[in-house]
Amino acid sequence: MSIGQTISISLNLNVTDQKDQLINRVYALGYYDDQYVTASNFTVNEFSWLPCCEQSLKAYKIARIDPGDPSLIWYRIGVKNDLKCSMVVRVTDKLSVGVWFITSSVMPEPIPYNLSWVLTNIPPGKIGVIDYMVQAVSGGRFVNDAHIEAFAIDGSGSAFADVSASLEVGGLPSVKDSLGWKPPDWGLDQSEDIFGGDLDGSGGDASPICTSCSFDDVP
């Protein structure tokens, strides 16, 4: 593909076993100059106006100040899959006024004033984790809210949750560049990226909505 070129792929599907929802996932991988970029997304087609039951969703969000620079804030969002099949998740985080996005373990979609991630495969019993870092341009209390939408890939149901975390930032030094990305030592059992689907979700139950959690409160 040349710069600016677009390729479209059209699919015609014959639905033989119709469920409440039809989930279609896509994952793209592109190579350039011995490097690669990835992207993922999913669509949901609703066939049932009144699904039989709503699934429960366990999620948490925590925050901490970077020990090397008090202007940097680390956030972690975790979503646990208690279903009997894999699920896809979209996480939309509303950035606080006065902070700038720096980097994350899974790169978000470019949505103004918001961060949006897609996890295309969280296996049953596993925990999907997103770590990301922002930089505060001034001191004060910052509250970040995130909305989570989860869908079973077999079309059996969906679940939604809202989580938030807040902390106080003060005494900011001169802003410095962050060279090299490395997640902080959260002190949690689940500290890896779930994107490959290899996390052990046996660390205990997370609360359905965990706001301003301490590090001992999360799985």
N, C-alpha and C. Protein backbone atom coordinates (compact mmCIF):
# COMPACT_ATOMS: atom_id res chain seq x y z
N MET A 1 0.84 -1.19 0.00
CA MET A 1 0.00 0.00 0.00
C MET A 1 0.88 1.25 0.00
N SER A 2 0.57 2.20 -0.84
CA SER A 2 1.29 3.46 -0.85
C SER A 2 0.70 4.40 0.19
N ILE A 3 1.38 5.52 0.45
CA ILE A 3 0.92 6.48 1.46
C ILE A 3 -0.44 7.05 1.07
N GLY A 4 -1.39 6.99 1.98
CA GLY A 4 -2.73 7.50 1.73
C GLY A 4 -3.67 6.55 1.04
N GLN A 5 -3.16 5.38 0.62
CA GLN A 5 -4.01 4.42 -0.08
C GLN A 5 -4.93 3.71 0.89
N THR A 6 -6.12 3.36 0.43
CA THR A 6 -7.12 2.65 1.24
C THR A 6 -7.54 1.37 0.53
N ILE A 7 -7.65 0.30 1.30
CA ILE A 7 -8.13 -0.97 0.78
C ILE A 7 -9.39 -1.36 1.55
N SER A 8 -10.45 -1.69 0.83
CA SER A 8 -11.71 -2.09 1.45
C SER A 8 -11.97 -3.57 1.15
N ILE A 9 -12.45 -4.29 2.15
CA ILE A 9 -12.81 -5.70 2.01
C ILE A 9 -14.28 -5.85 2.40
N SER A 10 -15.09 -6.36 1.49
CA SER A 10 -16.52 -6.54 1.76
C SER A 10 -16.80 -8.02 2.01
N LEU A 11 -17.59 -8.29 3.05
CA LEU A 11 -17.96 -9.66 3.41
C LEU A 11 -19.47 -9.82 3.36
N ASN A 12 -19.93 -10.91 2.76
CA ASN A 12 -21.34 -11.29 2.78
C ASN A 12 -21.49 -12.55 3.62
N LEU A 13 -22.25 -12.46 4.69
CA LEU A 13 -22.37 -13.56 5.64
C LEU A 13 -23.77 -14.16 5.60
N ASN A 14 -23.82 -15.48 5.74
CA ASN A 14 -25.08 -16.20 5.85
C ASN A 14 -25.23 -16.65 7.30
N VAL A 15 -26.14 -16.01 8.04
CA VAL A 15 -26.32 -16.31 9.46
C VAL A 15 -27.22 -17.53 9.59
N THR A 16 -26.64 -18.64 10.04
CA THR A 16 -27.39 -19.88 10.16
C THR A 16 -27.89 -20.13 11.58
N ASP A 17 -27.25 -19.52 12.58
CA ASP A 17 -27.65 -19.71 13.98
C ASP A 17 -27.78 -18.33 14.61
N GLN A 18 -28.95 -17.76 14.51
CA GLN A 18 -29.15 -16.38 14.95
C GLN A 18 -29.29 -16.31 16.46
N LYS A 19 -28.47 -15.46 17.10
CA LYS A 19 -28.53 -15.21 18.53
C LYS A 19 -29.05 -13.79 18.75
N ASP A 20 -29.03 -13.33 20.00
CA ASP A 20 -29.48 -11.97 20.30
C ASP A 20 -28.61 -10.94 19.57
N GLN A 21 -27.31 -11.25 19.41
CA GLN A 21 -26.37 -10.32 18.78
C GLN A 21 -25.44 -11.09 17.86
N LEU A 22 -24.95 -10.39 16.84
CA LEU A 22 -23.93 -10.94 15.97
C LEU A 22 -22.69 -10.07 16.12
N ILE A 23 -21.59 -10.67 16.61
CA ILE A 23 -20.35 -9.95 16.86
C ILE A 23 -19.36 -10.29 15.76
N ASN A 24 -18.84 -9.27 15.12
CA ASN A 24 -17.83 -9.47 14.09
C ASN A 24 -16.58 -8.70 14.47
N ARG A 25 -15.45 -9.41 14.54
CA ARG A 25 -14.18 -8.79 14.97
C ARG A 25 -13.21 -8.74 13.80
N VAL A 26 -12.36 -7.70 13.81
CA VAL A 26 -11.34 -7.58 12.78
C VAL A 26 -10.03 -7.14 13.42
N TYR A 27 -8.93 -7.70 12.92
CA TYR A 27 -7.60 -7.37 13.42
C TYR A 27 -6.68 -7.18 12.22
N ALA A 28 -6.01 -6.04 12.16
CA ALA A 28 -5.15 -5.71 11.01
C ALA A 28 -3.71 -5.55 11.48
N LEU A 29 -2.79 -6.06 10.68
CA LEU A 29 -1.36 -5.97 10.98
C LEU A 29 -0.65 -5.51 9.71
N GLY A 30 0.10 -4.41 9.83
CA GLY A 30 0.81 -3.87 8.67
C GLY A 30 2.29 -3.69 8.97
N TYR A 31 3.13 -4.00 7.98
CA TYR A 31 4.58 -3.92 8.16
C TYR A 31 5.15 -2.76 7.35
N TYR A 32 6.16 -2.08 7.91
CA TYR A 32 6.87 -1.02 7.19
C TYR A 32 8.26 -0.86 7.80
N ASP A 33 9.28 -0.80 6.96
CA ASP A 33 10.67 -0.58 7.39
C ASP A 33 11.06 -1.49 8.56
N ASP A 34 10.75 -2.79 8.43
CA ASP A 34 11.08 -3.78 9.46
C ASP A 34 10.35 -3.52 10.77
N GLN A 35 9.29 -2.73 10.74
CA GLN A 35 8.45 -2.50 11.91
C GLN A 35 7.02 -2.85 11.53
N TYR A 36 6.13 -2.79 12.51
CA TYR A 36 4.74 -3.10 12.21
C TYR A 36 3.81 -2.24 13.04
N VAL A 37 2.60 -2.08 12.55
CA VAL A 37 1.53 -1.39 13.26
C VAL A 37 0.31 -2.30 13.27
N THR A 38 -0.51 -2.17 14.30
CA THR A 38 -1.70 -3.01 14.42
C THR A 38 -2.93 -2.14 14.68
N ALA A 39 -4.08 -2.69 14.36
CA ALA A 39 -5.35 -2.02 14.64
C ALA A 39 -6.42 -3.10 14.79
N SER A 40 -7.43 -2.82 15.58
CA SER A 40 -8.51 -3.79 15.78
C SER A 40 -9.82 -3.05 16.00
N ASN A 41 -10.92 -3.74 15.70
CA ASN A 41 -12.23 -3.14 15.89
C ASN A 41 -13.27 -4.26 15.87
N PHE A 42 -14.51 -3.92 16.20
CA PHE A 42 -15.58 -4.90 16.15
C PHE A 42 -16.90 -4.18 15.91
N THR A 43 -17.87 -4.93 15.40
CA THR A 43 -19.21 -4.40 15.20
C THR A 43 -20.20 -5.33 15.89
N VAL A 44 -21.34 -4.76 16.29
CA VAL A 44 -22.39 -5.52 16.97
C VAL A 44 -23.70 -5.29 16.23
N ASN A 45 -24.32 -6.34 15.76
CA ASN A 45 -25.65 -6.28 15.15
C ASN A 45 -26.67 -6.84 16.13
N GLU A 46 -27.63 -6.01 16.51
CA GLU A 46 -28.65 -6.41 17.47
C GLU A 46 -29.84 -7.03 16.73
N PHE A 47 -30.18 -8.27 17.11
CA PHE A 47 -31.34 -8.93 16.52
C PHE A 47 -32.52 -9.00 17.50
N SER A 48 -32.21 -8.90 18.79
CA SER A 48 -33.26 -9.00 19.80
C SER A 48 -33.44 -7.65 20.48
N TRP A 49 -34.67 -7.11 20.42
CA TRP A 49 -34.94 -5.85 21.09
C TRP A 49 -34.98 -5.99 22.60
N LEU A 50 -35.38 -7.14 23.07
CA LEU A 50 -35.48 -7.39 24.52
C LEU A 50 -34.73 -8.67 24.85
N PRO A 51 -33.41 -8.58 25.06
CA PRO A 51 -32.65 -9.78 25.41
C PRO A 51 -33.13 -10.35 26.73
N CYS A 52 -32.94 -11.65 26.92
CA CYS A 52 -33.52 -12.34 28.08
C CYS A 52 -32.94 -11.87 29.40
N CYS A 53 -31.68 -11.53 29.44
CA CYS A 53 -31.08 -11.14 30.72
C CYS A 53 -29.82 -10.32 30.46
N GLU A 54 -29.46 -9.50 31.43
CA GLU A 54 -28.26 -8.67 31.32
C GLU A 54 -27.12 -9.32 32.07
N GLN A 55 -25.95 -9.40 31.43
CA GLN A 55 -24.78 -10.00 32.06
C GLN A 55 -24.17 -9.02 33.06
N SER A 56 -23.49 -9.56 34.07
CA SER A 56 -22.77 -8.72 35.02
C SER A 56 -21.35 -8.51 34.51
N LEU A 57 -20.75 -7.38 34.87
CA LEU A 57 -19.40 -7.05 34.43
C LEU A 57 -18.60 -6.56 35.62
N LYS A 58 -17.45 -7.17 35.83
CA LYS A 58 -16.56 -6.77 36.92
C LYS A 58 -15.40 -5.97 36.34
N ALA A 59 -15.20 -4.77 36.88
CA ALA A 59 -14.16 -3.89 36.37
C ALA A 59 -13.64 -3.00 37.49
N TYR A 60 -12.43 -2.49 37.30
CA TYR A 60 -11.86 -1.57 38.27
C TYR A 60 -10.97 -0.56 37.56
N LYS A 61 -10.69 0.56 38.24
CA LYS A 61 -9.77 1.56 37.74
C LYS A 61 -8.99 2.13 38.92
N ILE A 62 -7.67 2.21 38.78
CA ILE A 62 -6.82 2.74 39.84
C ILE A 62 -5.86 3.75 39.24
N ALA A 63 -5.27 4.60 40.10
CA ALA A 63 -4.36 5.64 39.64
C ALA A 63 -3.22 5.79 40.64
N ARG A 64 -2.07 6.22 40.13
CA ARG A 64 -0.93 6.51 41.01
C ARG A 64 -0.01 7.51 40.33
N ILE A 65 0.73 8.26 41.14
CA ILE A 65 1.71 9.22 40.65
C ILE A 65 3.01 8.48 40.32
N ASP A 66 3.62 8.84 39.20
CA ASP A 66 4.90 8.25 38.84
C ASP A 66 5.95 8.66 39.88
N PRO A 67 6.70 7.70 40.46
CA PRO A 67 7.66 8.05 41.51
C PRO A 67 8.81 8.92 41.02
N GLY A 68 9.08 8.93 39.71
CA GLY A 68 10.18 9.73 39.19
C GLY A 68 9.79 11.11 38.73
N ASP A 69 8.49 11.37 38.58
CA ASP A 69 8.03 12.67 38.08
C ASP A 69 6.59 12.88 38.55
N PRO A 70 6.35 13.79 39.52
CA PRO A 70 5.01 13.98 40.07
C PRO A 70 4.01 14.57 39.09
N SER A 71 4.45 14.98 37.88
CA SER A 71 3.50 15.47 36.89
C SER A 71 2.91 14.33 36.06
N LEU A 72 3.46 13.12 36.17
CA LEU A 72 3.00 11.99 35.40
C LEU A 72 2.06 11.12 36.23
N ILE A 73 0.92 10.78 35.66
CA ILE A 73 -0.09 9.97 36.35
C ILE A 73 -0.28 8.68 35.57
N TRP A 74 -0.20 7.56 36.28
CA TRP A 74 -0.47 6.24 35.69
C TRP A 74 -1.88 5.80 36.07
N TYR A 75 -2.59 5.28 35.08
CA TYR A 75 -3.91 4.70 35.32
C TYR A 75 -3.89 3.25 34.87
N ARG A 76 -4.66 2.44 35.55
CA ARG A 76 -4.87 1.04 35.14
C ARG A 76 -6.37 0.75 35.15
N ILE A 77 -6.85 0.21 34.04
CA ILE A 77 -8.24 -0.24 33.92
C ILE A 77 -8.22 -1.75 33.73
N GLY A 78 -8.99 -2.46 34.52
CA GLY A 78 -9.06 -3.92 34.42
C GLY A 78 -10.50 -4.37 34.23
N VAL A 79 -10.70 -5.34 33.34
CA VAL A 79 -12.02 -5.90 33.06
C VAL A 79 -11.92 -7.41 33.14
N LYS A 80 -12.74 -8.03 33.98
CA LYS A 80 -12.70 -9.48 34.15
C LYS A 80 -13.85 -10.14 33.38
N ASN A 81 -13.52 -11.22 32.69
CA ASN A 81 -14.51 -11.97 31.92
C ASN A 81 -15.01 -13.14 32.75
N ASP A 82 -16.23 -13.04 33.26
CA ASP A 82 -16.84 -14.14 34.02
C ASP A 82 -17.80 -14.95 33.15
N LEU A 83 -17.80 -14.73 31.85
CA LEU A 83 -18.66 -15.49 30.96
C LEU A 83 -18.03 -16.84 30.63
N LYS A 84 -18.79 -17.68 29.92
CA LYS A 84 -18.30 -18.99 29.52
C LYS A 84 -17.66 -18.98 28.14
N CYS A 85 -17.60 -17.80 27.52
CA CYS A 85 -16.96 -17.65 26.21
C CYS A 85 -16.14 -16.37 26.22
N SER A 86 -15.32 -16.18 25.19
CA SER A 86 -14.53 -14.96 25.08
C SER A 86 -15.44 -13.76 24.85
N MET A 87 -14.92 -12.58 25.19
CA MET A 87 -15.71 -11.38 24.95
C MET A 87 -14.83 -10.28 24.38
N VAL A 88 -15.47 -9.36 23.67
CA VAL A 88 -14.80 -8.17 23.16
C VAL A 88 -15.23 -6.99 24.03
N VAL A 89 -14.32 -6.03 24.17
CA VAL A 89 -14.56 -4.91 25.08
C VAL A 89 -14.13 -3.61 24.42
N ARG A 90 -14.96 -2.59 24.58
CA ARG A 90 -14.57 -1.24 24.21
C ARG A 90 -14.54 -0.40 25.48
N VAL A 91 -13.42 0.29 25.71
CA VAL A 91 -13.24 1.14 26.88
C VAL A 91 -13.08 2.58 26.39
N THR A 92 -13.94 3.47 26.87
CA THR A 92 -13.86 4.88 26.51
C THR A 92 -13.58 5.69 27.77
N ASP A 93 -12.46 6.39 27.77
CA ASP A 93 -12.02 7.14 28.94
C ASP A 93 -12.09 8.63 28.64
N LYS A 94 -12.75 9.38 29.51
CA LYS A 94 -12.86 10.82 29.35
C LYS A 94 -11.71 11.49 30.09
N LEU A 95 -10.82 12.13 29.34
CA LEU A 95 -9.66 12.78 29.93
C LEU A 95 -10.07 13.97 30.80
N SER A 96 -9.41 14.10 31.94
CA SER A 96 -9.65 15.26 32.80
C SER A 96 -9.10 16.52 32.14
N VAL A 97 -9.71 17.65 32.46
CA VAL A 97 -9.19 18.92 31.99
C VAL A 97 -7.84 19.17 32.66
N GLY A 98 -6.84 19.52 31.87
CA GLY A 98 -5.52 19.81 32.43
C GLY A 98 -4.53 18.67 32.35
N VAL A 99 -4.86 17.60 31.62
CA VAL A 99 -3.92 16.50 31.45
C VAL A 99 -3.78 16.19 29.96
N TRP A 100 -2.61 15.64 29.59
CA TRP A 100 -2.32 15.27 28.22
C TRP A 100 -1.95 13.79 28.17
N PHE A 101 -2.49 13.10 27.18
CA PHE A 101 -2.16 11.68 27.02
C PHE A 101 -0.70 11.55 26.56
N ILE A 102 0.02 10.56 27.16
CA ILE A 102 1.41 10.30 26.80
C ILE A 102 1.54 8.98 26.04
N THR A 103 1.15 7.87 26.67
CA THR A 103 1.29 6.56 26.04
C THR A 103 0.46 5.54 26.80
N SER A 104 0.32 4.34 26.22
CA SER A 104 -0.43 3.28 26.88
C SER A 104 0.03 1.93 26.37
N SER A 105 -0.33 0.88 27.10
CA SER A 105 0.07 -0.48 26.74
C SER A 105 -0.64 -0.94 25.47
N VAL A 106 -1.86 -0.47 25.23
CA VAL A 106 -2.60 -0.70 23.99
C VAL A 106 -2.95 0.67 23.44
N MET A 107 -2.49 0.98 22.24
CA MET A 107 -2.69 2.34 21.72
C MET A 107 -4.18 2.60 21.47
N PRO A 108 -4.67 3.78 21.89
CA PRO A 108 -6.09 4.10 21.74
C PRO A 108 -6.42 4.66 20.36
N GLU A 109 -7.72 4.73 20.07
CA GLU A 109 -8.17 5.39 18.85
C GLU A 109 -8.10 6.90 19.04
N PRO A 110 -7.81 7.66 17.98
CA PRO A 110 -7.71 9.12 18.10
C PRO A 110 -9.07 9.79 18.14
N ILE A 111 -9.65 9.90 19.32
CA ILE A 111 -10.93 10.56 19.52
C ILE A 111 -10.69 11.82 20.35
N PRO A 112 -11.09 13.01 19.88
CA PRO A 112 -10.82 14.25 20.62
C PRO A 112 -11.35 14.20 22.06
N TYR A 113 -10.50 14.58 23.01
CA TYR A 113 -10.84 14.71 24.43
C TYR A 113 -11.17 13.37 25.09
N ASN A 114 -11.05 12.27 24.37
CA ASN A 114 -11.33 10.96 24.94
C ASN A 114 -10.28 9.96 24.45
N LEU A 115 -10.15 8.88 25.20
CA LEU A 115 -9.32 7.75 24.81
C LEU A 115 -10.25 6.55 24.64
N SER A 116 -10.09 5.81 23.55
CA SER A 116 -10.95 4.67 23.30
C SER A 116 -10.10 3.48 22.88
N TRP A 117 -10.23 2.37 23.63
CA TRP A 117 -9.49 1.15 23.34
C TRP A 117 -10.45 0.02 22.97
N VAL A 118 -9.96 -0.91 22.17
CA VAL A 118 -10.70 -2.12 21.84
C VAL A 118 -9.85 -3.33 22.20
N LEU A 119 -10.39 -4.22 23.01
CA LEU A 119 -9.77 -5.51 23.31
C LEU A 119 -10.62 -6.57 22.62
N THR A 120 -10.07 -7.21 21.59
CA THR A 120 -10.88 -8.10 20.76
C THR A 120 -11.01 -9.50 21.31
N ASN A 121 -10.25 -9.85 22.35
CA ASN A 121 -10.35 -11.22 22.85
C ASN A 121 -9.90 -11.30 24.29
N ILE A 122 -10.87 -11.35 25.21
CA ILE A 122 -10.59 -11.64 26.62
C ILE A 122 -11.18 -13.02 26.89
N PRO A 123 -10.35 -14.05 27.08
CA PRO A 123 -10.87 -15.41 27.28
C PRO A 123 -11.64 -15.53 28.59
N PRO A 124 -12.45 -16.59 28.72
CA PRO A 124 -13.21 -16.81 29.97
C PRO A 124 -12.27 -16.90 31.18
N GLY A 125 -12.64 -16.21 32.24
CA GLY A 125 -11.86 -16.25 33.47
C GLY A 125 -10.64 -15.35 33.48
N LYS A 126 -10.35 -14.67 32.39
CA LYS A 126 -9.17 -13.82 32.31
C LYS A 126 -9.53 -12.36 32.58
N ILE A 127 -8.49 -11.55 32.80
CA ILE A 127 -8.65 -10.13 33.08
C ILE A 127 -7.94 -9.33 32.01
N GLY A 128 -8.68 -8.47 31.32
CA GLY A 128 -8.09 -7.55 30.34
C GLY A 128 -7.59 -6.31 31.05
N VAL A 129 -6.36 -5.91 30.79
CA VAL A 129 -5.73 -4.80 31.49
C VAL A 129 -5.24 -3.76 30.49
N ILE A 130 -5.51 -2.50 30.77
CA ILE A 130 -4.97 -1.38 30.01
C ILE A 130 -4.24 -0.46 30.98
N ASP A 131 -2.96 -0.24 30.75
CA ASP A 131 -2.17 0.73 31.50
C ASP A 131 -1.93 1.94 30.59
N TYR A 132 -2.13 3.15 31.12
CA TYR A 132 -1.82 4.33 30.32
C TYR A 132 -1.33 5.46 31.21
N MET A 133 -0.62 6.39 30.58
CA MET A 133 0.02 7.48 31.31
C MET A 133 -0.41 8.82 30.72
N VAL A 134 -0.69 9.78 31.62
CA VAL A 134 -0.99 11.15 31.21
C VAL A 134 -0.06 12.08 31.96
N GLN A 135 0.03 13.31 31.49
CA GLN A 135 0.85 14.31 32.16
C GLN A 135 -0.01 15.49 32.56
N ALA A 136 0.08 15.88 33.82
CA ALA A 136 -0.67 17.02 34.32
C ALA A 136 0.10 18.30 34.04
N VAL A 137 -0.58 19.31 33.54
CA VAL A 137 0.08 20.58 33.24
C VAL A 137 0.05 21.52 34.44
N SER A 138 -0.71 21.17 35.47
CA SER A 138 -0.77 21.97 36.69
C SER A 138 -1.24 21.07 37.82
N GLY A 139 -1.11 21.57 39.05
CA GLY A 139 -1.54 20.79 40.20
C GLY A 139 -3.04 20.82 40.38
N GLY A 140 -3.55 19.97 41.29
CA GLY A 140 -4.97 19.92 41.58
C GLY A 140 -5.47 18.49 41.66
N ARG A 141 -6.77 18.36 41.87
CA ARG A 141 -7.40 17.03 41.91
C ARG A 141 -7.93 16.67 40.54
N PHE A 142 -7.58 15.48 40.09
CA PHE A 142 -7.99 15.00 38.77
C PHE A 142 -8.86 13.76 38.94
N VAL A 143 -10.01 13.78 38.27
CA VAL A 143 -10.93 12.65 38.28
C VAL A 143 -11.11 12.15 36.85
N ASN A 144 -10.86 10.87 36.63
CA ASN A 144 -11.02 10.28 35.32
C ASN A 144 -12.11 9.21 35.37
N ASP A 145 -13.06 9.30 34.44
CA ASP A 145 -14.15 8.34 34.33
C ASP A 145 -13.97 7.52 33.07
N ALA A 146 -14.35 6.25 33.14
CA ALA A 146 -14.27 5.37 31.98
C ALA A 146 -15.57 4.58 31.85
N HIS A 147 -16.04 4.44 30.62
CA HIS A 147 -17.23 3.65 30.32
C HIS A 147 -16.80 2.39 29.59
N ILE A 148 -17.31 1.25 30.01
CA ILE A 148 -16.90 -0.04 29.49
C ILE A 148 -18.10 -0.76 28.89
N GLU A 149 -17.95 -1.23 27.64
CA GLU A 149 -18.98 -2.02 26.97
C GLU A 149 -18.37 -3.37 26.60
N ALA A 150 -19.00 -4.45 27.05
CA ALA A 150 -18.49 -5.80 26.80
C ALA A 150 -19.56 -6.64 26.11
N PHE A 151 -19.14 -7.46 25.13
CA PHE A 151 -20.06 -8.29 24.36
C PHE A 151 -19.51 -9.71 24.26
N ALA A 152 -20.34 -10.70 24.55
CA ALA A 152 -19.95 -12.10 24.36
C ALA A 152 -19.85 -12.38 22.88
N ILE A 153 -18.77 -13.03 22.43
CA ILE A 153 -18.58 -13.23 20.99
C ILE A 153 -19.54 -14.25 20.41
N ASP A 154 -20.19 -15.06 21.26
CA ASP A 154 -21.18 -16.00 20.75
C ASP A 154 -22.57 -15.38 20.63
N GLY A 155 -22.67 -14.05 20.93
CA GLY A 155 -23.93 -13.34 20.79
C GLY A 155 -24.91 -13.58 21.92
N SER A 156 -24.44 -14.13 23.04
CA SER A 156 -25.35 -14.50 24.12
C SER A 156 -25.69 -13.34 25.05
N GLY A 157 -25.03 -12.20 24.93
CA GLY A 157 -25.38 -11.08 25.80
C GLY A 157 -24.30 -10.03 25.86
N SER A 158 -24.59 -8.95 26.58
CA SER A 158 -23.66 -7.84 26.73
C SER A 158 -23.73 -7.32 28.16
N ALA A 159 -22.75 -6.50 28.52
CA ALA A 159 -22.70 -5.92 29.86
C ALA A 159 -22.00 -4.56 29.78
N PHE A 160 -22.34 -3.68 30.74
CA PHE A 160 -21.80 -2.33 30.73
C PHE A 160 -21.42 -1.95 32.16
N ALA A 161 -20.42 -1.09 32.30
CA ALA A 161 -19.99 -0.61 33.61
C ALA A 161 -19.32 0.74 33.47
N ASP A 162 -19.32 1.51 34.55
CA ASP A 162 -18.61 2.77 34.63
C ASP A 162 -17.69 2.74 35.84
N VAL A 163 -16.43 3.12 35.65
CA VAL A 163 -15.46 3.14 36.74
C VAL A 163 -14.77 4.49 36.74
N SER A 164 -14.19 4.86 37.88
CA SER A 164 -13.50 6.13 37.97
C SER A 164 -12.37 6.04 38.99
N ALA A 165 -11.43 6.98 38.89
CA ALA A 165 -10.33 7.07 39.84
C ALA A 165 -9.95 8.54 39.97
N SER A 166 -9.53 8.94 41.18
CA SER A 166 -9.15 10.33 41.41
C SER A 166 -7.91 10.38 42.27
N LEU A 167 -7.13 11.44 42.10
CA LEU A 167 -5.96 11.67 42.95
C LEU A 167 -5.59 13.15 42.91
N GLU A 168 -4.73 13.53 43.86
CA GLU A 168 -4.29 14.91 43.99
C GLU A 168 -2.87 15.05 43.47
N VAL A 169 -2.64 16.06 42.62
CA VAL A 169 -1.31 16.34 42.07
C VAL A 169 -0.88 17.70 42.57
N GLY A 170 0.33 17.77 43.13
CA GLY A 170 0.83 19.04 43.63
C GLY A 170 2.33 19.12 43.55
N GLY A 171 2.89 20.32 43.66
CA GLY A 171 4.32 20.52 43.66
C GLY A 171 4.99 20.07 42.37
N LEU A 172 4.49 20.53 41.24
CA LEU A 172 5.03 20.08 39.96
C LEU A 172 6.36 20.75 39.66
N PRO A 173 7.37 19.96 39.27
CA PRO A 173 8.63 20.54 38.80
C PRO A 173 8.51 20.92 37.34
N SER A 174 9.63 21.29 36.73
CA SER A 174 9.61 21.57 35.29
C SER A 174 9.28 20.30 34.54
N VAL A 175 8.49 20.46 33.48
CA VAL A 175 8.06 19.31 32.71
C VAL A 175 9.26 18.71 31.99
N LYS A 176 9.40 17.38 32.03
CA LYS A 176 10.49 16.72 31.33
C LYS A 176 9.92 15.68 30.39
N ASP A 177 10.70 15.31 29.40
CA ASP A 177 10.27 14.31 28.45
C ASP A 177 10.33 12.93 29.08
N SER A 178 9.38 12.07 28.67
CA SER A 178 9.36 10.68 29.12
C SER A 178 9.99 9.82 28.04
N LEU A 179 11.19 9.33 28.29
CA LEU A 179 11.92 8.54 27.30
C LEU A 179 11.80 7.07 27.66
N GLY A 180 11.22 6.30 26.74
CA GLY A 180 11.09 4.87 26.98
C GLY A 180 9.88 4.58 27.86
N TRP A 181 8.99 3.71 27.39
CA TRP A 181 7.77 3.41 28.12
C TRP A 181 7.93 2.13 28.92
N LYS A 182 7.58 2.18 30.20
CA LYS A 182 7.62 1.00 31.05
C LYS A 182 6.53 1.14 32.09
N PRO A 183 5.63 0.15 32.21
CA PRO A 183 4.56 0.25 33.22
C PRO A 183 5.14 0.28 34.62
N PRO A 184 4.48 0.95 35.56
CA PRO A 184 4.98 0.98 36.93
C PRO A 184 4.76 -0.36 37.61
N ASP A 185 5.43 -0.54 38.75
CA ASP A 185 5.24 -1.76 39.54
C ASP A 185 3.99 -1.57 40.38
N TRP A 186 2.86 -2.09 39.87
CA TRP A 186 1.58 -1.89 40.54
C TRP A 186 1.46 -2.74 41.80
N GLY A 187 2.25 -3.81 41.91
CA GLY A 187 2.10 -4.70 43.05
C GLY A 187 0.89 -5.58 42.95
N LEU A 188 0.43 -5.88 41.71
CA LEU A 188 -0.75 -6.70 41.48
C LEU A 188 -0.34 -8.00 40.81
N ASP A 189 -1.18 -9.02 40.93
CA ASP A 189 -0.91 -10.29 40.27
C ASP A 189 -1.01 -10.17 38.76
N GLN A 190 -2.02 -9.42 38.28
CA GLN A 190 -2.22 -9.25 36.85
C GLN A 190 -1.53 -7.96 36.43
N SER A 191 -0.31 -8.07 35.91
CA SER A 191 0.44 -6.88 35.55
C SER A 191 0.87 -6.87 34.10
N GLU A 192 0.40 -7.87 33.31
CA GLU A 192 0.79 -7.92 31.91
C GLU A 192 -0.36 -7.43 31.02
N ASP A 193 -0.03 -7.27 29.75
CA ASP A 193 -1.02 -6.84 28.77
C ASP A 193 -1.86 -8.04 28.35
N ILE A 194 -3.19 -7.90 28.39
CA ILE A 194 -4.08 -9.01 28.07
C ILE A 194 -4.21 -9.21 26.56
N PHE A 195 -3.59 -8.35 25.76
CA PHE A 195 -3.85 -8.37 24.32
C PHE A 195 -3.59 -9.74 23.71
N GLY A 196 -2.61 -10.47 24.26
CA GLY A 196 -2.35 -11.80 23.76
C GLY A 196 -3.21 -12.86 24.41
N GLY A 197 -3.96 -12.51 25.43
CA GLY A 197 -4.88 -13.45 26.07
C GLY A 197 -4.20 -14.48 26.93
N ASP A 198 -3.09 -14.12 27.64
CA ASP A 198 -2.36 -15.11 28.40
C ASP A 198 -2.32 -14.81 29.90
N LEU A 199 -3.18 -13.95 30.39
CA LEU A 199 -3.14 -13.62 31.81
C LEU A 199 -3.86 -14.66 32.64
N ASP A 200 -3.40 -14.84 33.85
CA ASP A 200 -4.05 -15.72 34.79
C ASP A 200 -5.07 -14.91 35.58
N GLY A 201 -6.34 -15.22 35.44
CA GLY A 201 -7.38 -14.45 36.12
C GLY A 201 -7.79 -15.02 37.45
N SER A 202 -6.88 -15.74 38.13
CA SER A 202 -7.25 -16.41 39.38
C SER A 202 -6.93 -15.57 40.61
N GLY A 203 -6.70 -14.28 40.44
CA GLY A 203 -6.27 -13.47 41.56
C GLY A 203 -7.40 -12.97 42.43
N GLY A 204 -8.62 -13.47 42.29
CA GLY A 204 -9.71 -13.03 43.14
C GLY A 204 -10.69 -12.18 42.37
N ASP A 205 -11.84 -11.89 42.99
CA ASP A 205 -12.89 -11.12 42.34
C ASP A 205 -12.64 -9.64 42.49
N ALA A 206 -12.85 -8.91 41.40
CA ALA A 206 -12.86 -7.46 41.46
C ALA A 206 -14.29 -7.01 41.73
N SER A 207 -14.42 -5.86 42.39
CA SER A 207 -15.76 -5.35 42.64
C SER A 207 -16.38 -4.91 41.33
N PRO A 208 -17.73 -4.98 41.17
CA PRO A 208 -18.36 -4.61 39.91
C PRO A 208 -18.01 -3.19 39.47
N ILE A 209 -18.02 -2.25 40.39
CA ILE A 209 -17.59 -0.90 40.08
C ILE A 209 -16.70 -0.44 41.22
N CYS A 210 -15.38 -0.33 40.93
CA CYS A 210 -14.41 0.00 41.97
C CYS A 210 -13.90 1.41 41.72
N THR A 211 -14.32 2.37 42.54
CA THR A 211 -13.92 3.76 42.33
C THR A 211 -12.87 4.14 43.36
N SER A 212 -11.79 4.79 42.88
CA SER A 212 -10.72 5.23 43.74
C SER A 212 -10.20 4.11 44.62
N CYS A 213 -9.92 2.94 43.99
CA CYS A 213 -9.49 1.77 44.74
C CYS A 213 -8.08 1.94 45.26
N SER A 214 -7.81 1.35 46.42
CA SER A 214 -6.44 1.21 46.85
C SER A 214 -5.86 -0.03 46.19
N PHE A 215 -4.54 -0.19 46.24
CA PHE A 215 -3.92 -1.29 45.53
C PHE A 215 -4.24 -2.63 46.19
N ASP A 216 -4.71 -2.63 47.42
CA ASP A 216 -5.09 -3.88 48.08
C ASP A 216 -6.51 -4.29 47.75
N ASP A 217 -7.27 -3.41 47.09
CA ASP A 217 -8.69 -3.69 46.83
C ASP A 217 -8.92 -4.42 45.54
N VAL A 218 -7.94 -4.39 44.63
CA VAL A 218 -8.15 -4.95 43.31
C VAL A 218 -7.51 -6.32 43.21
N PRO A 219 -7.95 -7.15 42.21
CA PRO A 219 -7.45 -8.50 42.15
C PRO A 219 -5.99 -8.55 41.74
